[in-house]
């Protein structure tokens, strides 16, 4: 056989490219399949006091988790899932500020939320403004958050101390008594609550006088001393802004000293808190208070929330559960509306935003970035560890927002732009 015999024939040379192409095509399914890249999560930094007010804190986180689950099951935001990056501030404003800086600079979160305590919320709000990152405050109450120390990157869902004080002052003004005592924790929230209540009650009833101011340190109330001092002032009414363990101790001391006999208590904090001692047969009787009649609200929005919450957690929701849920829904609605990924775009999306919550449709007023959420006001009692609320009404927060002139007199001009 010579060299020419080893070369392919013309027919074989013409078929060779087709055969090679067929073999290549047949081999394609055997190549490794590269999966499509999953959509990158939108990271939300949540800063809260895990150890402080543990029952309400856990209920708040439950509300966040339920909303997050529902949002992601519905496809997330523009196809991207939401993801929480959680930090504990231990009730310390400096720690909360450090957490905020880390979440923005290292974790690259797009939104901040959480902050149950008012001084903590103010510390995080400062960092949010520096980092041009939106903060949606779900729970903290101080007026300073949206007024004196407000900034354009900070929004708040829960009705402020001004709004709730306005609701309670409206009711208190109808009572016959004119001598009032106040008790509140001596920090930002308590000071703000008392200032607003005094101002608004005086406007409605110029004849009232305040005969005793008690300012226990947060978490360190000397309840017998407080109750004794208030009793000696012989008030017709008491405005209470204590909460948690301080509230429990104040109630116990007041009952021992018969402080509440014949005296109407008006309470900014929810007097139906589960933290009150169930061993007291009748801890509270007909306090005019902010509460949450969870088992009596028959609106479709609340029924859907209640059924989902009971199914997921097998326990009743608290007011803080509604706040956590509503806050996460607000964030998601703002992100969906936003035309960009930076903080400025989200600010514009949140201003004037309307969204759905268990308490109906809510909105952020553009002027002060305060939500229109209202509150349930009624007569709260607690007996044998069980709380009840009667003769209650839900007061729409939009009717109790501070007047625009009042806001402009207190809110920095840079925050309004």
Protein backbone atom coordinates (compact mmCIF):
# COMPACT_ATOMS: atom_id res chain seq x y z
CA UNK A 1 0.00 0.00 0.00
CA UNK A 2 1.42 3.31 -1.02
CA UNK A 3 1.04 6.68 0.73
CA UNK A 4 -1.88 7.74 -1.47
CA UNK A 5 -3.92 4.71 -0.27
CA UNK A 6 -3.89 6.06 3.35
CA UNK A 7 -5.57 9.36 2.48
CA UNK A 8 -9.41 9.69 2.80
CA UNK A 9 -11.37 9.40 -0.41
CA UNK A 10 -13.13 12.52 -1.74
CA UNK A 11 -16.49 11.16 -0.46
CA UNK A 12 -15.05 10.51 2.99
CA UNK A 13 -13.51 14.01 3.04
CA UNK A 14 -16.90 15.62 2.23
CA UNK A 15 -18.73 13.63 4.94
CA UNK A 16 -16.14 14.23 7.65
CA UNK A 17 -17.30 17.76 8.79
CA UNK A 18 -20.92 16.63 8.99
CA UNK A 19 -20.03 13.56 11.08
CA UNK A 20 -17.90 15.64 13.43
CA UNK A 21 -20.73 18.18 13.79
CA UNK A 22 -23.21 15.40 14.58
CA UNK A 23 -20.91 13.93 17.22
CA UNK A 24 -20.45 17.36 18.78
CA UNK A 25 -24.21 17.93 18.89
CA UNK A 26 -24.81 14.52 20.46
CA UNK A 27 -22.20 15.29 23.09
CA UNK A 28 -23.77 18.58 24.18
CA UNK A 29 -26.25 17.12 26.72
CA UNK A 30 -23.33 15.44 28.46
CA UNK A 31 -21.67 18.80 29.19
CA UNK A 32 -22.16 20.24 32.71
CA UNK A 33 -25.27 22.41 33.02
CA UNK A 34 -24.58 25.81 34.63
CA UNK A 35 -27.61 26.91 36.72
CA UNK A 36 -29.02 30.41 36.31
CA UNK A 37 -27.70 32.82 38.91
CA UNK A 38 -30.18 33.33 41.75
CA UNK A 39 -31.46 36.85 42.22
CA UNK A 40 -29.39 38.75 44.73
CA UNK A 41 -31.22 39.35 48.00
CA UNK A 42 -32.12 42.84 49.20
CA UNK A 43 -30.43 43.05 52.58
CA UNK A 44 -32.26 44.84 55.40
CA UNK A 45 -30.41 45.63 58.62
CA UNK A 46 -32.52 45.13 61.75
CA UNK A 47 -31.23 46.62 65.01
CA UNK A 48 -33.12 45.83 68.18
CA UNK A 49 -32.91 45.24 71.92
CA UNK A 50 -33.20 41.47 72.02
CA UNK A 51 -32.85 41.25 75.78
CA UNK A 52 -34.97 44.29 76.65
CA UNK A 53 -38.74 43.87 76.95
CA UNK A 54 -38.28 40.30 75.70
CA UNK A 55 -41.97 39.51 75.19
CA UNK A 56 -42.74 42.58 73.09
CA UNK A 57 -39.35 42.34 71.39
CA UNK A 58 -39.99 38.75 70.32
CA UNK A 59 -43.50 39.62 69.18
CA UNK A 60 -42.07 42.46 67.07
CA UNK A 61 -39.56 40.09 65.44
CA UNK A 62 -42.37 37.58 64.82
CA UNK A 63 -44.29 40.26 62.93
CA UNK A 64 -41.23 41.08 60.83
CA UNK A 65 -40.66 37.39 60.08
CA UNK A 66 -44.27 36.78 59.02
CA UNK A 67 -44.28 39.73 56.64
CA UNK A 68 -40.88 38.76 55.23
CA UNK A 69 -42.11 35.22 54.56
CA UNK A 70 -45.24 36.43 52.79
CA UNK A 71 -43.30 38.95 50.68
CA UNK A 72 -40.76 36.36 49.56
CA UNK A 73 -43.43 33.73 48.84
CA UNK A 74 -45.08 36.29 46.55
CA UNK A 75 -41.84 36.74 44.59
CA UNK A 76 -39.99 39.30 46.67
CA UNK A 77 -39.38 42.79 45.31
CA UNK A 78 -38.74 42.96 41.55
CA UNK A 79 -37.83 39.26 41.71
CA UNK A 80 -35.33 39.70 44.55
CA UNK A 81 -35.95 38.12 47.96
CA UNK A 82 -35.69 40.19 51.15
CA UNK A 83 -33.14 39.13 53.76
CA UNK A 84 -32.76 40.35 57.35
CA UNK A 85 -29.33 40.97 58.83
CA UNK A 86 -29.94 41.21 62.59
CA UNK A 87 -27.91 43.00 65.27
CA UNK A 88 -28.59 43.33 69.02
CA UNK A 89 -28.05 46.77 70.56
CA UNK A 90 -28.60 45.58 74.17
CA UNK A 91 -30.56 48.76 74.79
CA UNK A 92 -27.39 50.86 74.39
CA UNK A 93 -27.42 53.82 71.99
CA UNK A 94 -23.65 53.71 71.34
CA UNK A 95 -23.80 50.01 70.52
CA UNK A 96 -26.73 50.64 68.20
CA UNK A 97 -24.76 53.34 66.37
CA UNK A 98 -21.82 50.96 65.90
CA UNK A 99 -24.21 48.31 64.59
CA UNK A 100 -25.65 50.78 62.09
CA UNK A 101 -22.21 51.76 60.78
CA UNK A 102 -21.22 48.10 60.37
CA UNK A 103 -24.45 47.16 58.62
CA UNK A 104 -24.12 49.99 56.12
CA UNK A 105 -20.36 49.83 55.45
CA UNK A 106 -19.61 46.10 55.74
CA UNK A 107 -22.90 44.27 55.28
CA UNK A 108 -24.05 46.62 52.52
CA UNK A 109 -27.67 46.72 53.67
CA UNK A 110 -30.04 48.85 51.62
CA UNK A 111 -32.43 49.73 54.47
CA UNK A 112 -32.23 49.91 58.27
CA UNK A 113 -35.10 49.17 60.66
CA UNK A 114 -35.89 48.15 64.24
CA UNK A 115 -34.96 50.35 67.24
CA UNK A 116 -37.54 49.88 70.02
CA UNK A 117 -36.09 52.43 72.46
CA UNK A 118 -36.22 56.12 71.56
CA UNK A 119 -32.62 57.02 72.43
CA UNK A 120 -31.48 54.02 70.39
CA UNK A 121 -33.63 55.11 67.44
CA UNK A 122 -32.13 58.61 67.53
CA UNK A 123 -28.58 57.21 67.56
CA UNK A 124 -29.32 54.96 64.56
CA UNK A 125 -31.08 57.82 62.76
CA UNK A 126 -27.91 59.92 62.96
CA UNK A 127 -25.89 57.11 61.40
CA UNK A 128 -28.54 56.51 58.74
CA UNK A 129 -28.33 60.17 57.69
CA UNK A 130 -24.52 60.06 57.56
CA UNK A 131 -24.60 56.93 55.41
CA UNK A 132 -27.55 58.18 53.29
CA UNK A 133 -29.38 54.96 54.14
CA UNK A 134 -33.10 54.91 54.86
CA UNK A 135 -34.17 53.99 58.40
CA UNK A 136 -37.79 52.91 58.97
CA UNK A 137 -38.47 53.06 62.71
CA UNK A 138 -41.17 50.60 63.68
CA UNK A 139 -41.67 51.02 67.42
CA UNK A 140 -39.83 53.95 69.08
CA UNK A 141 -42.13 56.81 70.00
CA UNK A 142 -40.18 60.01 70.73
CA UNK A 143 -41.34 63.12 68.90
CA UNK A 144 -37.69 64.07 68.33
CA UNK A 145 -37.36 61.24 65.78
CA UNK A 146 -39.53 63.09 63.28
CA UNK A 147 -39.32 66.61 64.73
CA UNK A 148 -36.31 68.28 66.41
CA UNK A 149 -33.79 65.60 65.42
CA UNK A 150 -35.48 64.39 62.28
CA UNK A 151 -33.67 63.87 59.00
CA UNK A 152 -34.76 63.11 55.46
CA UNK A 153 -33.67 59.46 55.66
CA UNK A 154 -35.72 58.53 58.75
CA UNK A 155 -39.38 57.44 58.69
CA UNK A 156 -41.60 56.16 61.51
CA UNK A 157 -44.54 53.72 61.41
CA UNK A 158 -45.95 53.79 64.97
CA UNK A 159 -47.94 56.86 66.08
CA UNK A 160 -45.62 59.26 67.89
CA UNK A 161 -45.84 60.39 71.50
CA UNK A 162 -47.47 63.61 70.28
CA UNK A 163 -50.17 61.65 68.43
CA UNK A 164 -50.95 59.25 71.27
CA UNK A 165 -50.76 62.03 73.86
CA UNK A 166 -53.24 63.99 71.73
CA UNK A 167 -55.63 61.04 71.74
CA UNK A 168 -55.35 60.60 75.51
CA UNK A 169 -55.47 64.34 76.29
CA UNK A 170 -58.68 64.56 74.28
CA UNK A 171 -60.22 61.90 76.54
CA UNK A 172 -58.68 63.30 79.75
CA UNK A 173 -60.09 66.76 79.05
CA UNK A 174 -63.60 65.30 79.34
CA UNK A 175 -62.98 64.03 82.88
CA UNK A 176 -64.19 66.20 85.76
CA UNK A 177 -60.92 66.27 87.74
CA UNK A 178 -58.34 68.98 87.20
CA UNK A 179 -55.39 67.89 89.41
CA UNK A 180 -52.96 65.65 87.51
CA UNK A 181 -49.81 63.73 88.40
CA UNK A 182 -47.40 62.24 85.87
CA UNK A 183 -44.96 59.33 86.03
CA UNK A 184 -42.57 58.58 83.17
CA UNK A 185 -39.10 57.12 82.64
CA UNK A 186 -36.43 59.80 82.70
CA UNK A 187 -35.15 59.56 79.13
CA UNK A 188 -36.10 60.78 75.69
CA UNK A 189 -39.41 58.92 75.29
CA UNK A 190 -40.74 59.74 78.76
CA UNK A 191 -39.76 63.39 78.60
CA UNK A 192 -41.35 63.75 75.17
CA UNK A 193 -44.55 61.97 76.27
CA UNK A 194 -45.05 64.17 79.33
CA UNK A 195 -44.28 67.40 77.45
CA UNK A 196 -46.83 66.59 74.74
CA UNK A 197 -49.54 65.46 77.19
CA UNK A 198 -49.15 68.55 79.37
CA UNK A 199 -49.21 70.92 76.39
CA UNK A 200 -52.23 69.32 74.73
CA UNK A 201 -54.27 68.88 77.93
CA UNK A 202 -53.61 72.50 78.89
CA UNK A 203 -54.80 73.61 75.46
CA UNK A 204 -58.03 71.67 75.90
CA UNK A 205 -58.50 72.45 79.61
CA UNK A 206 -56.66 75.61 80.76
CA UNK A 207 -57.92 75.02 84.32
CA UNK A 208 -55.92 71.81 84.93
CA UNK A 209 -52.82 71.81 87.09
CA UNK A 210 -50.00 69.29 87.41
CA UNK A 211 -49.32 68.57 91.07
CA UNK A 212 -46.61 65.88 90.91
CA UNK A 213 -43.95 64.89 88.36
CA UNK A 214 -42.15 61.58 88.96
CA UNK A 215 -39.12 60.69 86.82
CA UNK A 216 -37.77 57.21 87.68
CA UNK A 217 -34.70 56.00 85.80
CA UNK A 218 -35.58 53.48 83.10
CA UNK A 219 -35.51 49.99 84.59
CA UNK A 220 -34.69 51.29 88.07
CA UNK A 221 -38.00 52.57 89.41
CA UNK A 222 -38.37 52.83 93.18
CA UNK A 223 -42.03 52.13 92.90
CA UNK A 224 -43.09 52.57 96.53
CA UNK A 225 -41.44 55.99 96.67
CA UNK A 226 -43.06 57.02 93.40
CA UNK A 227 -46.50 55.82 94.42
CA UNK A 228 -46.20 57.46 97.85
CA UNK A 229 -45.18 60.82 96.37
CA UNK A 230 -48.06 60.79 93.90
CA UNK A 231 -50.56 59.85 96.59
CA UNK A 232 -49.43 62.73 98.80
CA UNK A 233 -50.21 65.17 95.97
CA UNK A 234 -53.89 64.06 95.99
CA UNK A 235 -54.38 63.94 92.21
CA UNK A 236 -57.66 63.41 90.40
CA UNK A 237 -55.84 61.73 87.53
CA UNK A 238 -52.48 60.12 86.76
CA UNK A 239 -50.77 60.14 83.39
CA UNK A 240 -48.54 57.05 83.12
CA UNK A 241 -45.78 56.49 80.57
CA UNK A 242 -43.88 53.69 82.35
CA UNK A 243 -43.79 50.30 80.66
CA UNK A 244 -42.44 46.76 81.04
CA UNK A 245 -40.98 45.86 84.43
CA UNK A 246 -41.28 49.46 85.64
CA UNK A 247 -45.00 49.40 84.90
CA UNK A 248 -45.43 46.11 86.73
CA UNK A 249 -43.68 47.46 89.83
CA UNK A 250 -45.64 50.71 89.71
CA UNK A 251 -48.93 48.81 89.53
CA UNK A 252 -47.96 46.57 92.45
CA UNK A 253 -46.88 49.52 94.62
CA UNK A 254 -49.94 51.54 93.68
CA UNK A 255 -52.25 48.70 94.66
CA UNK A 256 -50.46 48.21 97.99
CA UNK A 257 -50.80 51.90 98.82
CA UNK A 258 -54.34 52.17 97.39
CA UNK A 259 -53.08 54.88 95.04
CA UNK A 260 -55.60 54.17 92.31
CA UNK A 261 -58.75 54.29 94.46
CA UNK A 262 -60.94 57.04 93.05
CA UNK A 263 -58.21 58.18 90.67
CA UNK A 264 -58.46 57.84 86.88
CA UNK A 265 -55.24 56.53 85.32
CA UNK A 266 -54.53 57.53 81.73
CA UNK A 267 -51.75 55.35 80.32
CA UNK A 268 -49.67 55.86 77.20
CA UNK A 269 -48.05 52.44 77.56
CA UNK A 270 -50.31 49.48 76.93
CA UNK A 271 -51.60 48.59 80.37
CA UNK A 272 -52.57 45.17 79.09
CA UNK A 273 -48.95 44.08 78.69
CA UNK A 274 -48.37 40.40 79.36
CA UNK A 275 -45.44 41.28 81.61
CA UNK A 276 -47.81 42.30 84.41
CA UNK A 277 -47.74 39.83 87.29
CA UNK A 278 -50.57 37.25 86.89
CA UNK A 279 -50.41 36.48 90.64
CA UNK A 280 -52.18 39.77 91.33
CA UNK A 281 -55.90 39.04 91.33
CA UNK A 282 -56.82 42.47 90.00
CA UNK A 283 -53.74 44.35 88.87
CA UNK A 284 -55.46 47.03 86.79
CA UNK A 285 -59.04 48.21 86.71
CA UNK A 286 -60.44 50.43 83.98
CA UNK A 287 -57.35 52.38 83.06
CA UNK A 288 -57.99 54.66 80.08
CA UNK A 289 -55.16 53.38 77.96
CA UNK A 290 -53.64 52.60 74.61
CA UNK A 291 -54.26 48.89 74.05
CA UNK A 292 -54.79 46.19 71.46
CA UNK A 293 -58.10 44.27 71.51
CA UNK A 294 -56.72 41.60 69.19
CA UNK A 295 -59.66 39.22 69.61
CA UNK A 296 -62.33 41.87 68.97
CA UNK A 297 -61.11 43.43 65.70
CA UNK A 298 -63.28 42.13 62.84
CA UNK A 299 -61.84 43.90 59.80
CA UNK A 300 -60.79 41.66 56.88
CA UNK A 301 -57.19 42.96 56.99
CA UNK A 302 -56.76 42.12 60.65
CA UNK A 303 -58.49 38.74 60.32
CA UNK A 304 -56.04 37.71 57.58
CA UNK A 305 -53.10 38.82 59.72
CA UNK A 306 -54.46 37.12 62.83
CA UNK A 307 -55.05 33.78 61.10
CA UNK A 308 -51.58 33.76 59.54
CA UNK A 309 -49.93 34.76 62.83
CA UNK A 310 -51.72 32.09 64.87
CA UNK A 311 -50.88 29.46 62.25
CA UNK A 312 -47.18 30.33 62.17
CA UNK A 313 -46.48 31.00 65.86
CA UNK A 314 -49.32 29.24 67.73
CA UNK A 315 -49.70 32.23 70.06
CA UNK A 316 -51.71 35.44 70.15
CA UNK A 317 -50.17 38.53 68.54
CA UNK A 318 -49.31 41.63 70.52
CA UNK A 319 -49.39 45.23 69.37
CA UNK A 320 -45.66 45.01 68.69
CA UNK A 321 -46.40 42.11 66.30
CA UNK A 322 -48.60 44.44 64.24
CA UNK A 323 -45.85 47.08 64.30
CA UNK A 324 -43.18 44.65 63.06
CA UNK A 325 -45.44 43.32 60.32
CA UNK A 326 -46.55 46.78 59.17
CA UNK A 327 -42.96 48.07 59.13
CA UNK A 328 -41.73 45.28 56.87
CA UNK A 329 -44.69 45.78 54.54
CA UNK A 330 -43.88 49.49 54.34
CA UNK A 331 -40.27 48.77 53.44
CA UNK A 332 -41.29 46.31 50.73
CA UNK A 333 -43.85 48.72 49.27
CA UNK A 334 -41.24 51.49 49.20
CA UNK A 335 -38.67 49.29 47.50
CA UNK A 336 -41.22 48.26 44.86
CA UNK A 337 -42.07 51.89 44.15
CA UNK A 338 -38.47 53.09 44.15
CA UNK A 339 -36.92 53.81 40.77
CA UNK A 340 -33.37 53.38 42.03
CA UNK A 341 -31.35 51.48 44.56
CA UNK A 342 -29.84 54.39 46.46
CA UNK A 343 -31.15 56.01 49.62
CA UNK A 344 -32.32 59.19 47.90
CA UNK A 345 -34.54 57.23 45.50
CA UNK A 346 -36.07 55.29 48.37
CA UNK A 347 -36.73 58.51 50.32
CA UNK A 348 -38.75 59.85 47.40
CA UNK A 349 -40.61 56.55 47.08
CA UNK A 350 -41.56 56.46 50.77
CA UNK A 351 -42.73 60.07 50.98
CA UNK A 352 -46.48 59.95 50.46
CA UNK A 353 -46.42 56.14 50.14
CA UNK A 354 -49.65 54.23 50.77
CA UNK A 355 -49.51 50.58 51.83
CA UNK A 356 -51.69 47.88 53.41
CA UNK A 357 -51.42 46.81 57.04
CA UNK A 358 -53.46 44.77 59.54
CA UNK A 359 -55.00 48.09 60.65
CA UNK A 360 -56.01 49.13 57.13
CA UNK A 361 -54.30 51.40 54.60
CA UNK A 362 -51.49 53.55 55.99
CA UNK A 363 -49.41 56.33 54.50
CA UNK A 364 -46.29 58.38 55.26
CA UNK A 365 -46.87 62.12 55.40
CA UNK A 366 -44.16 63.73 53.29
CA UNK A 367 -43.73 66.73 55.62
CA UNK A 368 -42.42 64.82 58.64
CA UNK A 369 -42.23 61.24 57.32
CA UNK A 370 -44.59 60.08 60.06
CA UNK A 371 -47.09 57.32 59.28
CA UNK A 372 -50.84 57.68 59.70
CA UNK A 373 -51.21 54.58 61.90
CA UNK A 374 -53.70 55.15 64.71
CA UNK A 375 -54.23 53.56 68.12
CA UNK A 376 -56.89 51.73 70.10
CA UNK A 377 -58.05 53.77 73.12
CA UNK A 378 -60.35 52.22 75.72
CA UNK A 379 -60.77 50.94 79.27
CA UNK A 380 -58.18 48.29 80.07
CA UNK A 381 -58.42 45.91 83.02
CA UNK A 382 -56.35 42.95 84.12
CA UNK A 383 -57.58 40.18 86.36
CA UNK A 384 -55.91 36.83 87.14
CA UNK A 385 -53.25 37.51 84.55
CA UNK A 386 -55.74 38.12 81.74
CA UNK A 387 -56.22 41.51 80.12
CA UNK A 388 -59.45 42.83 78.68
CA UNK A 389 -60.34 46.00 76.82
CA UNK A 390 -63.82 47.46 76.54
CA UNK A 391 -65.49 50.57 75.20
CA UNK A 392 -62.57 50.94 72.83
CA UNK A 393 -62.27 52.92 69.63
CA UNK A 394 -59.64 52.91 66.93
CA UNK A 395 -58.58 56.52 66.39
CA UNK A 396 -57.17 57.18 62.91
CA UNK A 397 -53.70 58.62 63.27
CA UNK A 398 -54.12 61.03 60.35
CA UNK A 399 -56.50 63.08 62.53
CA UNK A 400 -53.89 63.42 65.29
CA UNK A 401 -50.77 64.25 63.31
CA UNK A 402 -49.13 67.44 64.62
CA UNK A 403 -50.19 70.54 62.66
CA UNK A 404 -47.96 71.51 59.75
CA UNK A 405 -47.03 74.82 61.38
CA UNK A 406 -46.00 72.98 64.55
CA UNK A 407 -43.87 70.55 62.52
CA UNK A 408 -42.13 73.35 60.61
CA UNK A 409 -41.35 75.13 63.88
CA UNK A 410 -39.51 72.07 65.20
CA UNK A 411 -38.28 69.99 62.26
CA UNK A 412 -34.96 71.02 60.64
CA UNK A 413 -35.32 72.61 57.25
CA UNK A 414 -32.82 70.14 55.77
CA UNK A 415 -35.14 67.29 56.76
CA UNK A 416 -38.11 68.81 54.97
CA UNK A 417 -36.36 69.43 51.62
